[in-house]
C-alpha atoms as a PDB file:
ATOM      1  CA  UNK A   1     -30.381  11.912  15.398  1.00  0.00           C
ATOM      2  CA  UNK A   2     -33.563  14.123  15.535  1.00  0.00           C
ATOM      3  CA  UNK A   3     -33.641  17.293  13.504  1.00  0.00           C
ATOM      4  CA  UNK A   4     -35.355  20.411  14.866  1.00  0.00           C
ATOM      5  CA  UNK A   5     -38.823  21.214  13.661  1.00  0.00           C
ATOM      6  CA  UNK A   6     -37.541  24.552  12.274  1.00  0.00           C
ATOM      7  CA  UNK A   7     -37.691  24.948   8.493  1.00  0.00           C
ATOM      8  CA  UNK A   8     -34.589  27.193   8.704  1.00  0.00           C
ATOM      9  CA  UNK A   9     -31.300  25.616   7.702  1.00  0.00           C
ATOM     10  CA  UNK A  10     -28.878  26.861  10.443  1.00  0.00           C
ATOM     11  CA  UNK A  11     -25.336  27.639   9.366  1.00  0.00           C
ATOM     12  CA  UNK A  12     -23.684  28.338  12.773  1.00  0.00           C
ATOM     13  CA  UNK A  13     -24.298  27.468  16.360  1.00  0.00           C
ATOM     14  CA  UNK A  14     -24.908  31.152  17.071  1.00  0.00           C
ATOM     15  CA  UNK A  15     -27.542  31.164  14.350  1.00  0.00           C
ATOM     16  CA  UNK A  16     -29.202  28.044  15.895  1.00  0.00           C
ATOM     17  CA  UNK A  17     -29.250  29.375  19.445  1.00  0.00           C
ATOM     18  CA  UNK A  18     -30.493  32.766  18.408  1.00  0.00           C
ATOM     19  CA  UNK A  19     -33.537  31.116  16.778  1.00  0.00           C
ATOM     20  CA  UNK A  20     -34.629  29.592  20.170  1.00  0.00           C
ATOM     21  CA  UNK A  21     -37.060  31.208  22.641  1.00  0.00           C
ATOM     22  CA  UNK A  22     -35.487  33.455  25.253  1.00  0.00           C
ATOM     23  CA  UNK A  23     -35.600  30.866  28.108  1.00  0.00           C
ATOM     24  CA  UNK A  24     -34.043  28.183  25.958  1.00  0.00           C
ATOM     25  CA  UNK A  25     -31.354  30.615  24.587  1.00  0.00           C
ATOM     26  CA  UNK A  26     -29.907  31.258  28.064  1.00  0.00           C
ATOM     27  CA  UNK A  27     -29.802  27.508  28.914  1.00  0.00           C
ATOM     28  CA  UNK A  28     -28.237  26.578  25.600  1.00  0.00           C
ATOM     29  CA  UNK A  29     -25.549  29.168  25.901  1.00  0.00           C
ATOM     30  CA  UNK A  30     -24.717  27.848  29.377  1.00  0.00           C
ATOM     31  CA  UNK A  31     -24.607  24.198  27.987  1.00  0.00           C
ATOM     32  CA  UNK A  32     -22.397  25.428  25.102  1.00  0.00           C
ATOM     33  CA  UNK A  33     -19.882  26.878  27.526  1.00  0.00           C
ATOM     34  CA  UNK A  34     -19.824  23.797  29.759  1.00  0.00           C
ATOM     35  CA  UNK A  35     -19.093  21.477  26.744  1.00  0.00           C
ATOM     36  CA  UNK A  36     -16.413  23.933  25.373  1.00  0.00           C
ATOM     37  CA  UNK A  37     -14.664  23.942  28.807  1.00  0.00           C
ATOM     38  CA  UNK A  38     -14.809  20.133  29.086  1.00  0.00           C
ATOM     39  CA  UNK A  39     -13.554  19.541  25.525  1.00  0.00           C
ATOM     40  CA  UNK A  40     -11.470  22.575  24.683  1.00  0.00           C
ATOM     41  CA  UNK A  41     -10.056  21.017  21.430  1.00  0.00           C
ATOM     42  CA  UNK A  42     -13.583  20.445  19.992  1.00  0.00           C
ATOM     43  CA  UNK A  43     -14.978  22.646  17.175  1.00  0.00           C
ATOM     44  CA  UNK A  44     -18.473  23.846  16.898  1.00  0.00           C
ATOM     45  CA  UNK A  45     -20.653  22.984  13.970  1.00  0.00           C
ATOM     46  CA  UNK A  46     -24.199  22.375  12.953  1.00  0.00           C
ATOM     47  CA  UNK A  47     -25.297  18.831  12.037  1.00  0.00           C
ATOM     48  CA  UNK A  48     -28.853  17.541  11.627  1.00  0.00           C
ATOM     49  CA  UNK A  49     -29.738  21.162  11.944  1.00  0.00           C
ATOM     50  CA  UNK A  50     -28.805  21.284  15.634  1.00  0.00           C
ATOM     51  CA  UNK A  51     -25.769  22.409  17.519  1.00  0.00           C
ATOM     52  CA  UNK A  52     -22.703  20.054  17.773  1.00  0.00           C
ATOM     53  CA  UNK A  53     -19.126  19.802  18.871  1.00  0.00           C
ATOM     54  CA  UNK A  54     -16.717  17.766  16.893  1.00  0.00           C
ATOM     55  CA  UNK A  55     -13.182  16.337  17.292  1.00  0.00           C
ATOM     56  CA  UNK A  56     -11.196  15.633  14.090  1.00  0.00           C
ATOM     57  CA  UNK A  57     -14.448  15.811  12.111  1.00  0.00           C
ATOM     58  CA  UNK A  58     -16.303  13.337  14.302  1.00  0.00           C
ATOM     59  CA  UNK A  59     -19.235  14.480  16.453  1.00  0.00           C
ATOM     60  CA  UNK A  60     -18.544  14.317  20.232  1.00  0.00           C
ATOM     61  CA  UNK A  61     -21.855  15.767  21.465  1.00  0.00           C
ATOM     62  CA  UNK A  62     -24.974  17.309  19.992  1.00  0.00           C
ATOM     63  CA  UNK A  63     -27.261  19.538  21.964  1.00  0.00           C
ATOM     64  CA  UNK A  64     -30.700  20.981  21.124  1.00  0.00           C
ATOM     65  CA  UNK A  65     -33.509  23.026  22.649  1.00  0.00           C
ATOM     66  CA  UNK A  66     -37.150  22.136  22.708  1.00  0.00           C
ATOM     67  CA  UNK A  67     -40.339  23.621  24.166  1.00  0.00           C
ATOM     68  CA  UNK A  68     -39.943  22.241  27.696  1.00  0.00           C
ATOM     69  CA  UNK A  69     -36.490  20.620  27.752  1.00  0.00           C
ATOM     70  CA  UNK A  70     -33.067  20.538  26.120  1.00  0.00           C
ATOM     71  CA  UNK A  71     -31.304  17.412  25.058  1.00  0.00           C
ATOM     72  CA  UNK A  72     -27.791  15.926  24.724  1.00  0.00           C
ATOM     73  CA  UNK A  73     -27.018  13.272  22.153  1.00  0.00           C
ATOM     74  CA  UNK A  74     -25.738  10.533  21.925  1.00  0.00           C
ATOM     75  CA  UNK A  75     -26.252   8.765  25.221  1.00  0.00           C
ATOM     76  CA  UNK A  76     -23.865   5.829  24.444  1.00  0.00           C
ATOM     77  CA  UNK A  77     -23.900   2.621  26.444  1.00  0.00           C
ATOM     78  CA  UNK A  78     -20.637   3.705  28.207  1.00  0.00           C
ATOM     79  CA  UNK A  79     -22.138   7.131  29.121  1.00  0.00           C
ATOM     80  CA  UNK A  80     -25.325   5.488  30.502  1.00  0.00           C
ATOM     81  CA  UNK A  81     -23.365   2.787  32.337  1.00  0.00           C
ATOM     82  CA  UNK A  82     -20.705   5.050  33.782  1.00  0.00           C
ATOM     83  CA  UNK A  83     -23.072   7.794  34.893  1.00  0.00           C
ATOM     84  CA  UNK A  84     -26.066   5.577  35.802  1.00  0.00           C
ATOM     85  CA  UNK A  85     -26.473   7.104  39.226  1.00  0.00           C
ATOM     86  CA  UNK A  86     -26.110  10.760  38.093  1.00  0.00           C
ATOM     87  CA  UNK A  87     -28.525  10.231  35.192  1.00  0.00           C
ATOM     88  CA  UNK A  88     -31.213   8.600  37.296  1.00  0.00           C
ATOM     89  CA  UNK A  89     -33.195  11.903  37.847  1.00  0.00           C
ATOM     90  CA  UNK A  90     -33.329  12.581  34.033  1.00  0.00           C
ATOM     91  CA  UNK A  91     -35.076  10.949  31.100  1.00  0.00           C
ATOM     92  CA  UNK A  92     -32.733   8.788  29.120  1.00  0.00           C
ATOM     93  CA  UNK A  93     -34.260   7.101  26.099  1.00  0.00           C
ATOM     94  CA  UNK A  94     -33.001   5.920  22.707  1.00  0.00           C
ATOM     95  CA  UNK A  95     -29.655   7.546  22.922  1.00  0.00           C
ATOM     96  CA  UNK A  96     -31.046  10.872  24.143  1.00  0.00           C
ATOM     97  CA  UNK A  97     -30.697  12.608  27.506  1.00  0.00           C
ATOM     98  CA  UNK A  98     -33.476  15.132  28.319  1.00  0.00           C
ATOM     99  CA  UNK A  99     -33.157  17.875  30.956  1.00  0.00           C
ATOM    100  CA  UNK A 100     -35.975  20.190  31.859  1.00  0.00           C
ATOM    101  CA  UNK A 101     -35.614  23.748  30.870  1.00  0.00           C
ATOM    102  CA  UNK A 102     -37.000  24.897  34.263  1.00  0.00           C
ATOM    103  CA  UNK A 103     -34.587  22.900  36.292  1.00  0.00           C
ATOM    104  CA  UNK A 104     -31.012  23.610  37.493  1.00  0.00           C
ATOM    105  CA  UNK A 105     -28.383  22.935  34.867  1.00  0.00           C
ATOM    106  CA  UNK A 106     -26.330  19.929  35.964  1.00  0.00           C
ATOM    107  CA  UNK A 107     -22.877  21.461  35.084  1.00  0.00           C
ATOM    108  CA  UNK A 108     -20.768  18.583  36.534  1.00  0.00           C
ATOM    109  CA  UNK A 109     -22.829  15.956  34.817  1.00  0.00           C
ATOM    110  CA  UNK A 110     -22.721  17.649  31.408  1.00  0.00           C
ATOM    111  CA  UNK A 111     -18.948  18.029  31.771  1.00  0.00           C
ATOM    112  CA  UNK A 112     -18.548  14.272  32.507  1.00  0.00           C
ATOM    113  CA  UNK A 113     -20.833  13.299  29.573  1.00  0.00           C
ATOM    114  CA  UNK A 114     -18.688  15.501  27.235  1.00  0.00           C
ATOM    115  CA  UNK A 115     -15.407  14.087  28.501  1.00  0.00           C
ATOM    116  CA  UNK A 116     -16.522  10.458  28.117  1.00  0.00           C
ATOM    117  CA  UNK A 117     -17.734  11.193  24.631  1.00  0.00           C
ATOM    118  CA  UNK A 118     -14.389  12.913  23.803  1.00  0.00           C
ATOM    119  CA  UNK A 119     -12.613   9.719  24.907  1.00  0.00           C
ATOM    120  CA  UNK A 120     -14.823   7.463  22.858  1.00  0.00           C
ATOM    121  CA  UNK A 121     -14.392   9.669  19.817  1.00  0.00           C
ATOM    122  CA  UNK A 122     -10.579   9.820  20.187  1.00  0.00           C
ATOM    123  CA  UNK A 123     -10.385   6.006  20.617  1.00  0.00           C
ATOM    124  CA  UNK A 124     -12.502   5.405  17.480  1.00  0.00           C
ATOM    125  CA  UNK A 125     -10.417   7.847  15.515  1.00  0.00           C
ATOM    126  CA  UNK A 126      -7.191   6.149  16.646  1.00  0.00           C
ATOM    127  CA  UNK A 127      -8.631   2.724  15.741  1.00  0.00           C
ATOM    128  CA  UNK A 128      -9.623   3.961  12.283  1.00  0.00           C
ATOM    129  CA  UNK A 129      -6.168   5.329  11.590  1.00  0.00           C
ATOM    130  CA  UNK A 130      -4.534   2.051  12.639  1.00  0.00           C
ATOM    131  CA  UNK A 131      -6.698  -0.115  10.462  1.00  0.00           C
ATOM    132  CA  UNK A 132      -5.156   0.935   7.122  1.00  0.00           C
ATOM    133  CA  UNK A 133      -1.676   0.320   8.587  1.00  0.00           C
ATOM    134  CA  UNK A 134      -2.736  -3.155   9.702  1.00  0.00           C
ATOM    135  CA  UNK A 135      -4.175  -3.865   6.274  1.00  0.00           C
ATOM    136  CA  UNK A 136      -0.925  -2.753   4.580  1.00  0.00           C
ATOM    137  CA  UNK A 137       1.057  -5.077   6.873  1.00  0.00           C
ATOM    138  CA  UNK A 138      -0.854  -8.106   5.781  1.00  0.00           C
ATOM    139  CA  UNK A 139       0.258  -8.122   2.037  1.00  0.00           C
ATOM    140  CA  UNK A 140       3.862  -7.430   3.199  1.00  0.00           C
ATOM    141  CA  UNK A 141       3.646 -10.463   5.676  1.00  0.00           C
ATOM    142  CA  UNK A 142       2.296 -12.645   2.852  1.00  0.00           C
ATOM    143  CA  UNK A 143       5.063 -11.478   0.559  1.00  0.00           C
ATOM    144  CA  UNK A 144       7.728 -12.335   3.187  1.00  0.00           C
ATOM    145  CA  UNK A 145       6.128 -15.738   3.803  1.00  0.00           C
ATOM    146  CA  UNK A 146       6.123 -16.440   0.053  1.00  0.00           C
ATOM    147  CA  UNK A 147       9.851 -15.553  -0.142  1.00  0.00           C
ATOM    148  CA  UNK A 148      10.608 -17.868   2.712  1.00  0.00           C
ATOM    149  CA  UNK A 149       8.394 -20.645   1.283  1.00  0.00           C
ATOM    150  CA  UNK A 150       9.869 -20.508  -2.208  1.00  0.00           C
ATOM    151  CA  UNK A 151      13.418 -21.737  -1.293  1.00  0.00           C
ATOM    152  CA  UNK A 152      11.789 -24.404   0.919  1.00  0.00           C
ATOM    153  CA  UNK A 153       9.658 -25.635  -1.949  1.00  0.00           C
ATOM    154  CA  UNK A 154      12.721 -25.617  -4.339  1.00  0.00           C
ATOM    155  CA  UNK A 155      14.737 -27.577  -1.701  1.00  0.00           C
ATOM    156  CA  UNK A 156      11.932 -30.172  -1.460  1.00  0.00           C
ATOM    157  CA  UNK A 157      11.786 -30.575  -5.188  1.00  0.00           C
ATOM    158  CA  UNK A 158      15.570 -31.039  -5.391  1.00  0.00           C
ATOM    159  CA  UNK A 159      15.523 -33.536  -2.526  1.00  0.00           C
ATOM    160  CA  UNK A 160      12.601 -35.429  -4.287  1.00  0.00           C
ATOM    161  CA  UNK A 161      14.610 -35.611  -7.586  1.00  0.00           C
ATOM    162  CA  UNK A 162      17.750 -36.808  -5.773  1.00  0.00           C
ATOM    163  CA  UNK A 163      15.846 -39.571  -3.960  1.00  0.00           C
ATOM    164  CA  UNK A 164      14.184 -40.523  -7.250  1.00  0.00           C
ATOM    165  CA  UNK A 165      17.584 -40.699  -8.894  1.00  0.00           C
ATOM    166  CA  UNK A 166      18.875 -42.938  -6.104  1.00  0.00           C
ATOM    167  CA  UNK A 167      15.976 -45.288  -6.556  1.00  0.00           C
ATOM    168  CA  UNK A 168      16.331 -45.263 -10.375  1.00  0.00           C
ATOM    169  CA  UNK A 169      20.092 -45.792 -10.307  1.00  0.00           C
ATOM    170  CA  UNK A 170      20.157 -49.521  -9.305  1.00  0.00           C
ATOM    171  CA  UNK A 171      17.756 -50.386 -12.180  1.00  0.00           C
ATOM    172  CA  UNK A 172      20.404 -50.263 -14.985  1.00  0.00           C
ATOM    173  CA  UNK A 173      22.726 -52.371 -12.758  1.00  0.00           C
ATOM    174  CA  UNK A 174      20.049 -54.877 -12.108  1.00  0.00           C
ATOM    175  CA  UNK A 175      19.430 -55.083 -15.934  1.00  0.00           C
ATOM    176  CA  UNK A 176      23.059 -55.724 -16.639  1.00  0.00           C
ATOM    177  CA  UNK A 177      23.201 -58.460 -13.989  1.00  0.00           C
ATOM    178  CA  UNK A 178      20.078 -60.050 -15.413  1.00  0.00           C
ATOM    179  CA  UNK A 179      21.541 -59.909 -18.968  1.00  0.00           C
ATOM    180  CA  UNK A 180      24.739 -61.613 -17.674  1.00  0.00           C
ATOM    181  CA  UNK A 181      22.754 -64.389 -15.951  1.00  0.00           C
ATOM    182  CA  UNK A 182      20.735 -64.952 -19.089  1.00  0.00           C
ATOM    183  CA  UNK A 183      23.868 -65.254 -21.264  1.00  0.00           C
ATOM    184  CA  UNK A 184      25.397 -67.645 -18.777  1.00  0.00           C
ATOM    185  CA  UNK A 185      22.474 -69.990 -18.977  1.00  0.00           C
ATOM    186  CA  UNK A 186      22.577 -70.225 -22.808  1.00  0.00           C
ATOM    187  CA  UNK A 187      24.428 -73.393 -24.062  1.00  0.00           C
ATOM    188  CA  UNK A 188      27.727 -72.651 -25.499  1.00  0.00           C
ATOM    189  CA  UNK A 189      27.589 -73.489 -29.161  1.00  0.00           C
ATOM    190  CA  UNK A 190      30.046 -76.220 -30.061  1.00  0.00           C
ATOM    191  CA  UNK A 191      32.536 -75.340 -32.594  1.00  0.00           C
ATOM    192  CA  UNK A 192      32.068 -77.339 -35.748  1.00  0.00           C
ATOM    193  CA  UNK A 193      34.180 -80.384 -35.874  1.00  0.00           C
ATOM    194  CA  UNK A 194      37.260 -79.950 -37.964  1.00  0.00           C
ATOM    195  CA  UNK A 195      36.825 -81.498 -41.351  1.00  0.00           C
ATOM    196  CA  UNK A 196      38.407 -84.852 -41.427  1.00  0.00           C
ATOM    197  CA  UNK A 197      41.745 -84.860 -42.808  1.00  0.00           C
ATOM    198  CA  UNK A 198      42.145 -85.715 -46.429  1.00  0.00           C
ATOM    199  CA  UNK A 199      42.133 -89.292 -47.241  1.00  0.00           C
ATOM    200  CA  UNK A 200      44.890 -91.285 -45.758  1.00  0.00           C
END
């Protein structure tokens, strides 16, 4: 945003307009009234040492007087696209719309520019307000997902232990059967023959 060539730091819009040459003062006062009518909720301020209107602290439109023209800022892509035909007679460059001081003030066009910029500003403000809420929702969603996932994980572990126990259970039985088979194969030790009876 270009600053004025003035070395004076303007504190109010009245102060800024009063510093301009007589011809520019009349035009800037008219532009001021047009913007105020188009965006009644906007507040006047000075930013970049030129006049501005703001909504909820965000600039809607800046306007400034120069030697041979006065300018409106910013000429956003939406402004230029929507009002392409109406802006054709004027110089539009690098986000700036220049109107000749000597020409007729395009009241309807300035109103349209101000209203479009007000809509853009309000939309941006609404988006900025909703972003913290969306960010706050994410941790809560993660927390809920963790709560849901925890029982599932516990259930899986329990199921895994149960299946492992089922697989492990037959092993002792198998060992017992193997032991029985092994003992069956061993030859039965013969009992020692009874000692011969005493001599006949």
